[in-house]
Amino acid sequence: MAEGWTYSKAGVNIDKKSSSIESLVEELKYKRSGFGQMVHKSGLFASLIDFGNRYVTLATDGVGTKILIAEELGIWDTIGIDCIAMNVNDTICVNAAPISFVDYIAIDRPDEKVTKEVGKGLNRGAELSDMEIVGGEIAVLPEMVNGLDLSGTCMGVVGKDEIITGETCEKGDLIVALKSSGVHSNGLTLARKVVEANNIKMTDSVSGLTKSIGKELLTPTEIYVKEVLGITKAHEVHGLVDITGGGLRNILRMAKGLKYVIDDPVKPQPIFEVLRQLGNIGTEEAYQTFNMGMGFAIIAPEDEAESIAKENANAKVVGRVEEGNGVYFAPEKILYDHY
């Protein structure tokens, strides 16, 4: 059997990415004091800024190589949803409500037809998040950019007595999954390489899928804002996790000294099995690259978690918190011990 595809083989080494982030952060030594200072907590999905009786949050992210699929298909009206989703889903991980957004488009040449379609997706994402887009920038960079890149920054707000950081996760808690809409906007470099290696076009139909593989991969990232903020308002919650780049490794951002056991995972959508078969992708690699059907995770006390799962059609209890360390994928006896 041919050697299986990995994210690293496709050109993205997540361990190298982590070390690159660390090397950059080491140089960010200046600290503001007083009003507007940053709250220094490790592992957060969105940064906290002290604003008196509340925190303001900032998160930034982009769409990534999913844009190349949009370009190949000529479908530009959904990637704006992805851009919003990647930011607001991080913002709600500290229980903050997204309130404002600015977008950034880098493009090789102005194209009002393309930017209009991108704007449609951004507006839809903002609507789904109950958040206003207050500004942005289109930079024309013909010597630096080939095509278009889209990213953005989200501002949120949360009361200091409402903050959720994952620090209160404890033995006995349960892990609740919120199902994804598909691949979302992570791991697309690997997905694209696997498709290309099999001489498949994004417009092609593939056994097991109901639409072309390109359209399947272009399915917009699920936006969890209203669902999650509704849950945290009604239930005690100890931790919130956006399952993005790094897959199950993201749960390692929660309280240390605990073992997060996934023993009854969500059944992945067909696109994940198609990619695994086409690329001979192993289970360990799949669950640290893709969301594999679980786009968001909520960690809560047992009775609260069971109620959350009953009250939300998109939710399912998939695991529990034990003494130990790491994230343990029980069906395949895989332990993820570093982020």
Protein backbone atom coordinates (compact mmCIF):
# COMPACT_ATOMS: atom_id res chain seq x y z
CA MET A 1 0.00 0.00 0.00
CA ALA A 2 1.28 3.48 -0.89
CA GLU A 3 2.48 5.74 1.91
CA GLY A 4 -0.44 7.65 3.39
CA TRP A 5 -0.86 11.37 3.02
CA THR A 6 -0.28 13.64 6.01
CA TYR A 7 -0.70 17.35 6.58
CA SER A 8 3.08 17.65 6.77
CA LYS A 9 3.54 15.83 3.46
CA ALA A 10 1.01 18.23 1.94
CA GLY A 11 3.18 21.13 3.09
CA VAL A 12 1.76 22.10 6.49
CA ASN A 13 3.69 20.97 9.57
CA ILE A 14 1.57 21.86 12.60
CA ASP A 15 4.44 21.24 15.01
CA LYS A 16 6.63 23.66 13.05
CA LYS A 17 3.75 26.12 13.03
CA SER A 18 3.52 25.94 16.82
CA SER A 19 7.26 26.53 17.23
CA SER A 20 7.07 29.47 14.81
CA ILE A 21 4.29 31.02 16.88
CA GLU A 22 6.36 30.54 20.03
CA SER A 23 9.40 32.22 18.45
CA LEU A 24 7.30 35.24 17.47
CA VAL A 25 5.54 35.55 20.83
CA GLU A 26 8.91 35.47 22.62
CA GLU A 27 9.68 38.82 21.01
CA LEU A 28 6.41 40.49 22.06
CA LYS A 29 7.77 41.83 25.34
CA TYR A 30 6.12 45.21 25.74
CA LYS A 31 3.15 45.15 28.13
CA ARG A 32 0.59 47.91 28.55
CA SER A 33 -0.54 48.62 32.09
CA GLY A 34 -3.79 50.01 33.45
CA PHE A 35 -7.01 50.39 31.47
CA GLY A 36 -6.90 48.39 28.24
CA GLN A 37 -4.18 46.02 29.32
CA MET A 38 -4.13 42.44 28.11
CA VAL A 39 -5.16 39.67 30.47
CA HIS A 40 -2.36 37.10 30.34
CA LYS A 41 -3.91 33.64 30.25
CA SER A 42 -2.45 30.85 28.14
CA GLY A 43 -4.40 28.68 25.75
CA LEU A 44 -7.25 31.08 25.00
CA PHE A 45 -8.82 31.14 21.54
CA ALA A 46 -9.40 34.92 21.76
CA SER A 47 -7.32 37.55 23.52
CA LEU A 48 -8.81 39.34 26.55
CA ILE A 49 -8.43 43.08 27.09
CA ASP A 50 -9.40 44.66 30.42
CA PHE A 51 -12.14 47.24 29.93
CA GLY A 52 -13.27 47.98 33.48
CA ASN A 53 -16.20 45.74 34.42
CA ARG A 54 -15.93 43.67 31.27
CA TYR A 55 -13.45 42.19 28.83
CA VAL A 56 -13.16 43.10 25.18
CA THR A 57 -11.88 40.24 23.02
CA LEU A 58 -9.94 40.19 19.77
CA ALA A 59 -9.52 37.27 17.38
CA THR A 60 -8.11 37.16 13.88
CA ASP A 61 -8.04 34.47 11.18
CA GLY A 62 -8.45 33.84 7.49
CA VAL A 63 -10.00 31.37 5.07
CA GLY A 64 -6.79 29.68 3.95
CA THR A 65 -6.48 27.52 0.85
CA LYS A 66 -10.22 26.95 0.69
CA ILE A 67 -10.05 30.08 -1.46
CA LEU A 68 -8.27 28.06 -4.17
CA ILE A 69 -11.31 25.77 -4.37
CA ALA A 70 -13.61 28.78 -4.66
CA GLU A 71 -11.40 30.09 -7.47
CA GLU A 72 -11.39 26.77 -9.34
CA LEU A 73 -15.18 26.49 -9.11
CA GLY A 74 -15.83 30.19 -9.67
CA ILE A 75 -17.99 30.27 -6.54
CA TRP A 76 -17.14 33.25 -4.33
CA ASP A 77 -20.30 33.87 -2.29
CA THR A 78 -19.56 31.44 0.58
CA ILE A 79 -15.96 32.08 1.64
CA GLY A 80 -17.06 35.22 3.47
CA ILE A 81 -19.09 32.97 5.77
CA ASP A 82 -15.93 30.97 6.45
CA CYS A 83 -13.96 34.11 7.25
CA ILE A 84 -16.56 35.24 9.78
CA ALA A 85 -16.92 31.72 11.22
CA MET A 86 -13.23 31.20 11.84
CA ASN A 87 -13.17 34.35 13.94
CA VAL A 88 -16.49 34.26 15.78
CA ASN A 89 -16.17 30.57 16.70
CA ASP A 90 -12.90 31.44 18.46
CA THR A 91 -14.48 34.48 20.09
CA ILE A 92 -17.26 32.50 21.76
CA CYS A 93 -14.71 30.12 23.32
CA VAL A 94 -14.36 32.63 26.18
CA ASN A 95 -18.16 33.17 26.21
CA ALA A 96 -17.82 36.56 24.49
CA ALA A 97 -20.48 37.85 22.11
CA PRO A 98 -19.03 38.98 18.76
CA ILE A 99 -20.06 42.60 18.10
CA SER A 100 -17.78 44.09 15.42
CA PHE A 101 -15.72 42.82 12.50
CA VAL A 102 -13.23 44.20 9.98
CA ASP A 103 -12.22 42.29 6.87
CA TYR A 104 -8.98 42.37 4.87
CA ILE A 105 -8.76 41.37 1.20
CA ALA A 106 -5.41 41.15 -0.55
CA ILE A 107 -5.89 40.87 -4.32
CA ASP A 108 -3.67 40.96 -7.39
CA ARG A 109 -6.10 43.10 -9.38
CA PRO A 110 -9.43 44.75 -8.51
CA ASP A 111 -12.46 42.70 -9.60
CA GLU A 112 -15.78 44.15 -8.51
CA LYS A 113 -17.70 41.01 -9.50
CA VAL A 114 -15.59 38.82 -7.22
CA THR A 115 -15.54 41.26 -4.30
CA LYS A 116 -19.31 41.66 -4.56
CA GLU A 117 -19.76 37.92 -4.17
CA VAL A 118 -17.29 37.82 -1.28
CA GLY A 119 -19.30 40.61 0.33
CA LYS A 120 -22.47 38.51 0.14
CA GLY A 121 -20.83 35.79 2.22
CA LEU A 122 -19.39 38.26 4.72
CA ASN A 123 -22.84 39.78 5.20
CA ARG A 124 -24.46 36.37 5.67
CA GLY A 125 -21.81 35.40 8.23
CA ALA A 126 -22.36 38.65 10.09
CA GLU A 127 -26.12 38.04 10.13
CA LEU A 128 -25.66 34.52 11.51
CA SER A 129 -23.38 35.95 14.23
CA ASP A 130 -25.54 39.01 15.06
CA MET A 131 -22.46 41.14 14.43
CA GLU A 132 -21.81 44.22 12.30
CA ILE A 133 -18.98 44.61 9.81
CA VAL A 134 -17.72 48.09 10.67
CA GLY A 135 -14.87 48.45 8.20
CA GLY A 136 -12.15 46.73 6.23
CA GLU A 137 -9.45 47.05 3.62
CA ILE A 138 -8.86 45.91 0.06
CA ALA A 139 -5.15 45.94 -0.76
CA VAL A 140 -4.12 45.60 -4.40
CA LEU A 141 -0.77 43.78 -4.34
CA PRO A 142 0.07 42.48 -7.84
CA GLU A 143 3.72 41.79 -6.97
CA MET A 144 2.88 39.86 -3.78
CA VAL A 145 -0.45 38.11 -4.34
CA ASN A 146 -1.60 35.77 -7.07
CA GLY A 147 -5.36 35.79 -6.86
CA LEU A 148 -7.16 36.73 -3.64
CA ASP A 149 -6.69 36.20 0.09
CA LEU A 150 -9.35 36.93 2.71
CA SER A 151 -8.98 37.37 6.44
CA GLY A 152 -10.52 39.41 9.22
CA THR A 153 -10.56 40.43 12.86
CA CYS A 154 -13.43 40.14 15.31
CA MET A 155 -14.10 42.15 18.47
CA GLY A 156 -16.27 40.67 21.17
CA VAL A 157 -17.37 41.55 24.68
CA VAL A 158 -18.03 39.54 27.84
CA GLY A 159 -18.74 40.45 31.46
CA LYS A 160 -15.95 39.57 33.86
CA ASP A 161 -18.32 37.37 35.84
CA GLU A 162 -19.32 35.49 32.66
CA ILE A 163 -15.88 34.56 31.34
CA ILE A 164 -15.16 30.89 30.52
CA THR A 165 -11.50 29.90 30.14
CA GLY A 166 -11.44 26.12 30.60
CA GLU A 167 -9.61 26.46 33.92
CA THR A 168 -12.56 25.00 35.85
CA CYS A 169 -12.75 21.76 33.87
CA GLU A 170 -12.57 18.85 36.30
CA LYS A 171 -12.75 15.10 36.66
CA GLY A 172 -16.31 13.90 36.10
CA ASP A 173 -17.21 16.50 33.49
CA LEU A 174 -18.61 15.30 30.17
CA ILE A 175 -17.61 16.42 26.69
CA VAL A 176 -20.42 17.47 24.36
CA ALA A 177 -19.82 17.74 20.62
CA LEU A 178 -21.59 20.17 18.31
CA LYS A 179 -21.60 18.66 14.85
CA SER A 180 -19.73 20.33 12.01
CA SER A 181 -21.11 21.12 8.57
CA GLY A 182 -18.18 19.33 6.95
CA VAL A 183 -14.47 20.03 6.56
CA HIS A 184 -14.94 23.71 7.56
CA SER A 185 -11.88 25.86 6.75
CA ASN A 186 -9.04 23.70 8.09
CA GLY A 187 -6.96 20.99 6.50
CA LEU A 188 -7.85 22.09 2.98
CA THR A 189 -4.23 21.93 1.86
CA LEU A 190 -4.20 18.23 2.66
CA ALA A 191 -7.64 17.68 1.14
CA ARG A 192 -6.65 19.47 -2.06
CA LYS A 193 -3.38 17.54 -2.40
CA VAL A 194 -5.21 14.24 -1.96
CA VAL A 195 -7.74 15.19 -4.64
CA GLU A 196 -5.00 16.31 -7.04
CA ALA A 197 -2.90 13.17 -6.43
CA ASN A 198 -5.87 11.07 -7.55
CA ASN A 199 -6.29 13.11 -10.76
CA ILE A 200 -9.70 14.26 -9.62
CA LYS A 201 -11.06 17.68 -10.58
CA MET A 202 -13.04 19.76 -8.11
CA THR A 203 -15.99 19.54 -10.51
CA ASP A 204 -15.93 15.72 -10.52
CA SER A 205 -18.45 13.50 -8.81
CA VAL A 206 -16.95 10.98 -6.38
CA SER A 207 -18.60 7.83 -5.05
CA GLY A 208 -20.08 8.43 -1.61
CA LEU A 209 -20.83 12.12 -2.12
CA THR A 210 -24.09 13.70 -3.29
CA LYS A 211 -22.43 16.67 -5.05
CA SER A 212 -19.09 17.37 -6.67
CA ILE A 213 -16.11 16.99 -4.37
CA GLY A 214 -15.27 20.68 -4.81
CA LYS A 215 -18.72 21.82 -3.72
CA GLU A 216 -18.55 19.41 -0.79
CA LEU A 217 -15.22 20.91 0.32
CA LEU A 218 -16.62 24.43 -0.18
CA THR A 219 -19.50 23.85 2.27
CA PRO A 220 -19.38 26.88 4.61
CA THR A 221 -18.02 26.54 8.13
CA GLU A 222 -20.77 26.21 10.73
CA ILE A 223 -21.27 29.32 12.86
CA TYR A 224 -22.00 28.36 16.48
CA VAL A 225 -22.52 31.82 18.01
CA LYS A 226 -26.22 31.79 18.79
CA GLU A 227 -26.25 28.11 19.79
CA VAL A 228 -23.27 28.30 22.15
CA LEU A 229 -24.18 31.63 23.77
CA GLY A 230 -27.67 30.26 24.33
CA ILE A 231 -26.21 27.18 26.00
CA THR A 232 -23.87 29.12 28.28
CA LYS A 233 -26.71 31.41 29.32
CA ALA A 234 -28.86 28.44 30.37
CA HIS A 235 -26.23 26.01 31.71
CA GLU A 236 -23.07 25.84 33.78
CA VAL A 237 -20.19 25.31 31.36
CA HIS A 238 -16.53 24.76 32.24
CA GLY A 239 -14.85 24.80 28.83
CA LEU A 240 -15.49 25.77 25.19
CA VAL A 241 -13.34 24.47 22.34
CA ASP A 242 -13.30 25.40 18.65
CA ILE A 243 -12.14 22.29 16.79
CA THR A 244 -10.11 23.94 14.04
CA GLY A 245 -6.50 23.44 12.92
CA GLY A 246 -4.99 20.74 15.11
CA GLY A 247 -8.25 18.81 15.46
CA LEU A 248 -8.59 17.10 18.83
CA ARG A 249 -5.35 18.73 19.97
CA ASN A 250 -7.37 21.91 20.56
CA ILE A 251 -8.88 20.34 23.68
CA LEU A 252 -5.40 20.46 25.23
CA ARG A 253 -6.00 24.19 25.73
CA MET A 254 -8.33 23.35 28.59
CA ALA A 255 -7.24 22.79 32.24
CA LYS A 256 -4.01 20.83 32.61
CA GLY A 257 -3.58 17.65 34.64
CA LEU A 258 -6.68 16.07 33.13
CA LYS A 259 -7.36 13.43 30.51
CA TYR A 260 -10.05 14.28 27.96
CA VAL A 261 -11.40 10.95 26.74
CA ILE A 262 -13.36 10.74 23.48
CA ASP A 263 -15.01 7.31 23.64
CA ASP A 264 -18.21 7.80 21.58
CA PRO A 265 -17.24 10.20 18.76
CA VAL A 266 -19.55 11.84 16.28
CA LYS A 267 -19.89 9.86 13.06
CA PRO A 268 -17.89 11.84 10.46
CA GLN A 269 -19.65 13.03 7.34
CA PRO A 270 -18.96 11.04 4.14
CA ILE A 271 -16.42 13.61 2.85
CA PHE A 272 -13.98 12.62 5.60
CA GLU A 273 -14.08 8.93 4.70
CA VAL A 274 -13.67 9.80 1.02
CA LEU A 275 -10.55 11.84 1.80
CA ARG A 276 -9.17 9.13 4.08
CA GLN A 277 -9.61 6.45 1.43
CA LEU A 278 -8.25 8.55 -1.42
CA GLY A 279 -5.22 9.62 0.60
CA ASN A 280 -4.70 6.53 2.77
CA ILE A 281 -4.88 8.91 5.77
CA GLY A 282 -4.45 7.23 9.15
CA THR A 283 -6.79 7.80 12.08
CA GLU A 284 -4.25 9.69 14.18
CA GLU A 285 -3.51 12.07 11.32
CA ALA A 286 -7.19 12.53 10.45
CA TYR A 287 -8.21 13.52 13.98
CA GLN A 288 -5.37 16.03 14.34
CA THR A 289 -5.94 17.65 10.95
CA PHE A 290 -9.71 17.62 10.37
CA ASN A 291 -12.66 18.14 12.72
CA MET A 292 -14.00 14.70 11.72
CA GLY A 293 -17.61 15.75 12.30
CA MET A 294 -17.12 17.61 15.61
CA GLY A 295 -16.81 21.31 14.93
CA PHE A 296 -17.07 22.53 18.51
CA ALA A 297 -16.86 20.98 21.97
CA ILE A 298 -18.45 21.95 25.27
CA ILE A 299 -17.15 20.64 28.60
CA ALA A 300 -19.66 20.75 31.41
CA PRO A 301 -20.74 18.96 34.61
CA GLU A 302 -22.45 15.64 33.93
CA ASP A 303 -26.06 16.72 34.54
CA GLU A 304 -25.60 19.95 32.59
CA ALA A 305 -23.93 18.15 29.68
CA GLU A 306 -26.73 15.61 29.44
CA SER A 307 -29.29 18.40 29.38
CA ILE A 308 -27.36 20.28 26.69
CA ALA A 309 -27.33 17.15 24.52
CA LYS A 310 -31.08 16.62 24.99
CA GLU A 311 -32.01 20.22 24.28
CA ASN A 312 -29.88 20.74 21.17
CA ALA A 313 -30.39 18.57 18.10
CA ASN A 314 -26.85 19.32 16.93
CA ALA A 315 -25.28 18.13 20.21
CA LYS A 316 -24.05 14.77 21.45
CA VAL A 317 -22.12 13.57 24.51
CA VAL A 318 -18.91 12.11 23.10
CA GLY A 319 -16.65 11.69 26.11
CA ARG A 320 -15.64 12.46 29.66
CA VAL A 321 -12.90 14.04 31.74
CA GLU A 322 -10.67 11.83 33.88
CA GLU A 323 -7.48 12.11 35.88
CA GLY A 324 -4.37 12.04 33.73
CA ASN A 325 -3.03 14.03 30.82
CA GLY A 326 -3.79 14.59 27.16
CA VAL A 327 -6.66 13.91 24.80
CA TYR A 328 -7.38 10.21 24.38
CA PHE A 329 -9.25 8.93 21.33
CA ALA A 330 -10.46 5.69 22.88
CA PRO A 331 -11.74 3.81 19.78
CA GLU A 332 -8.20 3.69 18.34
CA LYS A 333 -6.22 4.05 21.61
CA ILE A 334 -4.58 7.27 20.37
CA LEU A 335 -3.21 9.83 22.83
CA TYR A 336 -2.54 13.42 21.82
CA ASP A 337 -0.24 14.86 24.49
CA HIS A 338 0.95 18.17 23.05
CA TYR A 339 -0.58 21.11 21.24
